[in-house]
Amino acid sequence: MVLASKSSLIDYKQLGQNLISVLLVDEYEFARKGIRSSLAGAKLFKVVGDTASAREAIDLARRLRPDVLVLALSSDEAAAVSIIRNTKAFAPQTKVLVLVNPEQDCRSLFEAGAGGFLLKSASGAKDLKKALLDVAQGGFVLIPAIAGKLLDRWPQRLPSSPDHSQGLTPRESEVLAHVGLGLSNPQIATALGISTRTVEVHVNKLLLKLGARSRTQAALAAVRSGILA
């Protein structure tokens, strides 16, 4: 089971001169320097700040309102949850990409509003750049190990066959499949040959029918239903 990002479908030229602003929050200075270095040569990103402090992270997110907040505080889950909740409260447009350890339980981070999860130990610069681009454009990254834990968290709340039991139309099921692949609304619109506004309508309807609070929960429903394997 893999919920994979599809950066290869993105036309990088569409981003124009607008750099994706990134705020780094990691308890280890060498890790922050490493991420800064890996993004320095990229033409798509601009690191606007970094810190190891949860309190400073919240303040920086409030003031800078970055496009993406990269969060790696595996030793202090409560602080990480607080950062996500505070950031989403005053800067809901900011996406949060969490770098996790394989054994880490990410359910509380997911519930707080994290928009993507990436393995910290096994992800290279290329993986990080793809993940940043995906979450910045409204997609998400969800590694299989984390997807399994989240599915365990909602065993009764995610329908086994959403296209039938929840009354999804064939088009809504098709949109759900693309959401499950991590595509943003504009990407889905291009893939299906419809307008972005029409995709937004379908996404809102399928979220309501599935009882899902986010695209990620909807994607998990797609996995459980067999739409995605």
Foldseek 3Di string as FASTA:
>chain_A
DFQAADLVLDDVCVCPQDAFEEEEAALDPVLVVVLCVLCVPPSRHDHPYYDPDLVVLLVCCLVVVGLEYEHEDQVCVVSLLVSLLSSCVRRVNYAYEYADDLPGQCPSVVVSHHFEYHHPVPDDSVNVVSQSVLVSQPFYGYGPSNLVNVCVVPVPLQDQACVPPLVQDPVLLVLLLVNSNRHHLVSVCVVVVHDSVVSVVSVVVSCVSSVHPGSNSSSSSCVSNVVDD
